[in-house]
Amino acid sequence: MMQNICVLGGTGFVGRGVIPALLSAGFEINALVRKNSEGKLPQSSACHAIIGEATNAEDIIRALEGCDALVNLVGTRRAEMKKSNLTYADVDLAATSAGIAAMRATKVSRLILLSAGHIGESAYVQTKKLAEQVVQNANVDWTILRPSYILGPGQMWPIIMNPVLSISTLIPGNFGRVAKLAQNVTRNNLADAIVWALGHPESVGIVFDVPAIRALAKTLSRPA
């Protein structure tokens, strides 16, 4: 039975919902965070801050000590890219590759990867596709989540697209398929899906796109 989870990207928008859900489910957390970011983590004796970079395999190896699984939530926003002059490949793809290298070194085999919905041809989506390939080509027990627009505290603007997307899903063919992939999920939906996947071996080797995440959320019945 899994008890200890290493989390990358735990202080980001999604991570701030996922870590509390993991703690509530009884997991102990090693969160790899940058220096001076420890205060963004929940104040819990079961949540341990490990200082380092998510793109550095050696730092991830330290964070994986005593852990049963790696949850990779790294997802850089466009505004951050402009400030740092880094690319999505420099951060998102590099963190995925570093995570796989660290898992090989520590013999940790379970991985949850937060990816992105396969809609459009943006640099972000293309980078996430490459990250998925890295994971799927590695000898690890992976589960991939592909949200598109995520609702949560401070980020409710995607809700304005709900009416158009709901109607668009009824259109036959590729247009309707893409509309289904572009629907909103909540941060709680993602957190619950990750907790569920960690407790269910049948999720290994499965990609959860938006319709699958939304369907799972209905069975778990937690408020948004």
Protein backbone atom coordinates (compact mmCIF):
# COMPACT_ATOMS: atom_id res chain seq x y z
CA MET A 1 0.00 0.00 0.00
CA MET A 2 1.34 3.41 -0.99
CA GLN A 3 1.97 5.82 1.85
CA ASN A 4 4.62 8.33 0.79
CA ILE A 5 4.33 10.52 -2.29
CA CYS A 6 6.88 12.85 -3.88
CA VAL A 7 5.28 15.87 -5.55
CA LEU A 8 6.84 18.17 -8.15
CA GLY A 9 5.05 21.46 -8.80
CA GLY A 10 3.25 21.32 -5.48
CA THR A 11 3.18 25.10 -4.95
CA GLY A 12 1.55 25.85 -8.30
CA PHE A 13 -2.14 26.39 -8.96
CA VAL A 14 -2.95 22.69 -9.33
CA GLY A 15 -0.50 21.60 -6.65
CA ARG A 16 -2.17 23.80 -4.05
CA GLY A 17 -5.26 21.66 -4.49
CA VAL A 18 -3.57 18.30 -4.93
CA ILE A 19 -1.34 18.29 -1.85
CA PRO A 20 -4.20 18.98 0.61
CA ALA A 21 -6.21 16.19 -1.06
CA LEU A 22 -3.29 13.78 -0.70
CA LEU A 23 -2.85 14.74 2.95
CA SER A 24 -6.58 14.26 3.59
CA ALA A 25 -6.31 10.81 2.04
CA GLY A 26 -3.61 9.89 4.55
CA PHE A 27 -0.52 10.18 2.37
CA GLU A 28 2.78 11.61 3.59
CA ILE A 29 4.27 14.14 1.20
CA ASN A 30 7.78 15.08 0.11
CA ALA A 31 7.30 18.28 -1.90
CA LEU A 32 10.26 19.46 -3.96
CA VAL A 33 10.13 23.26 -3.89
CA ARG A 34 12.39 26.15 -4.67
CA LYS A 35 14.09 28.03 -1.85
CA ASN A 36 11.75 30.46 -0.09
CA SER A 37 8.64 28.70 -1.47
CA GLU A 38 8.17 26.45 1.56
CA GLY A 39 5.54 28.80 2.98
CA LYS A 40 3.17 27.95 0.12
CA LEU A 41 2.86 24.38 1.36
CA PRO A 42 0.23 23.28 3.89
CA GLN A 43 1.36 23.48 7.50
CA SER A 44 1.27 19.78 8.27
CA SER A 45 3.65 17.37 9.96
CA ALA A 46 2.97 15.02 7.05
CA CYS A 47 4.12 17.51 4.39
CA HIS A 48 7.88 17.89 4.08
CA ALA A 49 9.58 20.57 1.97
CA ILE A 50 12.64 19.41 0.06
CA ILE A 51 14.56 22.36 -1.41
CA GLY A 52 15.64 21.96 -5.00
CA GLU A 53 14.75 22.26 -8.68
CA ALA A 54 12.22 20.06 -10.45
CA THR A 55 14.49 20.02 -13.50
CA ASN A 56 17.41 18.56 -11.55
CA ALA A 57 17.44 14.75 -11.29
CA GLU A 58 19.72 14.78 -8.24
CA ASP A 59 17.28 17.02 -6.36
CA ILE A 60 14.38 14.74 -7.30
CA ILE A 61 16.36 11.73 -6.11
CA ARG A 62 16.63 13.38 -2.69
CA ALA A 63 12.91 14.14 -2.66
CA LEU A 64 12.05 10.56 -3.67
CA GLU A 65 13.80 9.08 -0.65
CA GLY A 66 11.33 6.81 1.14
CA CYS A 67 8.57 7.50 -1.40
CA ASP A 68 6.34 5.06 -3.25
CA ALA A 69 5.35 7.27 -6.19
CA LEU A 70 6.10 10.51 -8.02
CA VAL A 71 3.36 13.01 -8.88
CA ASN A 72 4.59 15.48 -11.49
CA LEU A 73 2.41 18.60 -11.62
CA VAL A 74 4.96 20.91 -13.24
CA GLY A 75 3.24 23.22 -15.69
CA THR A 76 4.71 26.60 -16.52
CA ARG A 77 2.50 29.52 -17.45
CA ARG A 78 3.15 31.85 -20.37
CA ALA A 79 3.70 34.85 -18.08
CA GLU A 80 6.41 32.95 -16.22
CA MET A 81 8.11 32.05 -19.49
CA LYS A 82 8.29 35.71 -20.49
CA LYS A 83 9.88 36.66 -17.18
CA SER A 84 12.46 33.89 -17.14
CA ASN A 85 13.23 33.66 -20.88
CA LEU A 86 12.99 29.90 -20.51
CA THR A 87 10.92 27.73 -22.83
CA TYR A 88 8.31 25.11 -21.98
CA ALA A 89 10.89 22.53 -23.01
CA ASP A 90 13.37 24.03 -20.53
CA VAL A 91 10.94 23.51 -17.66
CA ASP A 92 8.05 21.10 -18.38
CA LEU A 93 9.89 18.67 -20.59
CA ALA A 94 13.10 18.93 -18.58
CA ALA A 95 11.24 18.20 -15.34
CA THR A 96 9.64 15.13 -16.87
CA SER A 97 12.98 13.81 -18.14
CA ALA A 98 14.66 14.53 -14.79
CA GLY A 99 11.83 12.77 -12.99
CA ILE A 100 12.23 9.64 -15.09
CA ALA A 101 16.00 9.65 -14.50
CA ALA A 102 15.44 9.98 -10.75
CA MET A 103 12.88 7.17 -10.75
CA ARG A 104 15.35 4.88 -12.48
CA ALA A 105 18.01 5.74 -9.92
CA THR A 106 15.73 5.12 -6.94
CA LYS A 107 13.71 2.19 -8.31
CA VAL A 108 10.44 4.10 -7.79
CA SER A 109 8.09 2.86 -10.49
CA ARG A 110 4.75 4.68 -10.01
CA LEU A 111 4.20 8.01 -11.77
CA ILE A 112 1.27 10.38 -12.20
CA LEU A 113 1.89 13.02 -14.89
CA LEU A 114 -0.20 16.15 -15.31
CA SER A 115 -0.18 16.82 -19.04
CA ALA A 116 -2.53 18.93 -21.20
CA GLY A 117 -5.46 18.32 -23.50
CA HIS A 118 -4.48 17.58 -27.07
CA ILE A 119 -6.20 20.60 -28.59
CA GLY A 120 -4.47 23.04 -30.91
CA GLU A 121 -0.83 23.25 -31.89
CA SER A 122 0.53 25.61 -29.25
CA ALA A 123 4.10 25.23 -28.01
CA TYR A 124 2.71 24.27 -24.61
CA VAL A 125 0.58 21.43 -25.97
CA GLN A 126 3.38 20.18 -28.21
CA THR A 127 5.80 20.18 -25.27
CA LYS A 128 3.33 18.23 -23.15
CA LYS A 129 2.99 15.68 -25.95
CA LEU A 130 6.76 15.21 -25.93
CA ALA A 131 6.70 14.83 -22.15
CA GLU A 132 4.07 12.12 -22.49
CA GLN A 133 6.28 10.28 -24.98
CA VAL A 134 9.18 10.38 -22.51
CA VAL A 135 6.96 8.83 -19.85
CA GLN A 136 5.35 6.24 -22.12
CA ASN A 137 8.75 5.13 -23.44
CA ALA A 138 10.13 4.67 -19.93
CA ASN A 139 9.74 1.48 -17.94
CA VAL A 140 7.45 3.01 -15.30
CA ASP A 141 3.87 2.51 -14.17
CA TRP A 142 2.38 5.73 -15.47
CA THR A 143 -0.99 7.43 -15.42
CA ILE A 144 -1.48 10.62 -17.46
CA LEU A 145 -4.10 13.34 -16.93
CA ARG A 146 -4.93 15.73 -19.79
CA PRO A 147 -6.97 18.70 -18.57
CA SER A 148 -7.50 21.71 -20.80
CA TYR A 149 -9.07 24.57 -18.82
CA ILE A 150 -8.96 24.25 -15.03
CA LEU A 151 -11.35 26.04 -12.68
CA GLY A 152 -10.38 26.89 -9.13
CA PRO A 153 -9.84 29.72 -6.64
CA GLY A 154 -8.61 32.77 -8.51
CA GLN A 155 -9.09 31.07 -11.88
CA MET A 156 -12.76 30.97 -12.79
CA TRP A 157 -12.61 32.81 -16.12
CA PRO A 158 -12.81 29.62 -18.27
CA ILE A 159 -16.37 29.16 -17.03
CA ILE A 160 -17.53 31.77 -19.54
CA MET A 161 -16.84 29.25 -22.32
CA ASN A 162 -19.13 26.59 -20.85
CA PRO A 163 -22.27 27.37 -22.89
CA VAL A 164 -20.43 27.41 -26.23
CA LEU A 165 -18.43 24.28 -25.44
CA SER A 166 -21.50 22.40 -24.24
CA ILE A 167 -23.32 23.08 -27.50
CA SER A 168 -20.22 22.39 -29.58
CA THR A 169 -19.84 18.90 -28.08
CA LEU A 170 -23.06 17.94 -29.88
CA ILE A 171 -21.57 18.62 -33.31
CA PRO A 172 -20.57 15.36 -35.03
CA GLY A 173 -17.01 14.66 -36.10
CA ASN A 174 -13.70 16.17 -35.09
CA PHE A 175 -15.15 19.56 -34.06
CA GLY A 176 -17.36 17.98 -31.42
CA ARG A 177 -14.54 15.71 -30.27
CA VAL A 178 -12.21 18.67 -29.72
CA ALA A 179 -14.95 20.57 -27.89
CA LYS A 180 -15.28 17.66 -25.44
CA LEU A 181 -11.52 17.72 -24.84
CA ALA A 182 -11.66 21.48 -24.22
CA GLN A 183 -14.34 21.42 -21.53
CA ASN A 184 -13.56 22.65 -18.05
CA VAL A 185 -12.53 20.51 -15.11
CA THR A 186 -12.02 21.78 -11.60
CA ARG A 187 -8.88 21.66 -9.53
CA ASN A 188 -10.75 19.39 -7.14
CA ASN A 189 -11.56 17.06 -10.04
CA LEU A 190 -7.85 16.70 -10.78
CA ALA A 191 -6.89 16.28 -7.14
CA ASP A 192 -9.49 13.57 -6.63
CA ALA A 193 -8.46 11.80 -9.83
CA ILE A 194 -4.84 11.71 -8.66
CA VAL A 195 -5.77 10.36 -5.23
CA TRP A 196 -8.01 7.76 -6.87
CA ALA A 197 -5.31 6.70 -9.37
CA LEU A 198 -2.74 6.21 -6.62
CA GLY A 199 -5.10 3.80 -4.90
CA HIS A 200 -6.20 1.90 -8.00
CA PRO A 201 -3.61 -0.16 -9.91
CA GLU A 202 -5.99 -0.46 -12.86
CA SER A 203 -5.20 3.19 -13.65
CA VAL A 204 -1.66 2.24 -14.69
CA GLY A 205 -1.13 2.79 -18.40
CA ILE A 206 -4.32 4.86 -18.70
CA VAL A 207 -4.66 8.38 -20.13
CA PHE A 208 -7.47 10.38 -18.52
CA ASP A 209 -8.62 13.09 -20.93
CA VAL A 210 -11.28 15.63 -20.00
CA PRO A 211 -14.33 13.38 -20.58
CA ALA A 212 -12.71 10.64 -18.47
CA ILE A 213 -11.78 13.08 -15.68
CA ARG A 214 -15.31 14.48 -15.64
CA ALA A 215 -16.84 10.99 -15.61
CA LEU A 216 -14.61 9.95 -12.70
CA ALA A 217 -15.53 13.14 -10.83
CA LYS A 218 -19.22 12.18 -10.99
CA THR A 219 -18.50 8.87 -9.30
CA LEU A 220 -16.38 10.51 -6.59
CA SER A 221 -18.96 13.22 -5.88
CA ARG A 222 -16.86 15.94 -4.26
CA PRO A 223 -18.03 19.58 -4.63
CA ALA A 224 -16.01 21.75 -7.03
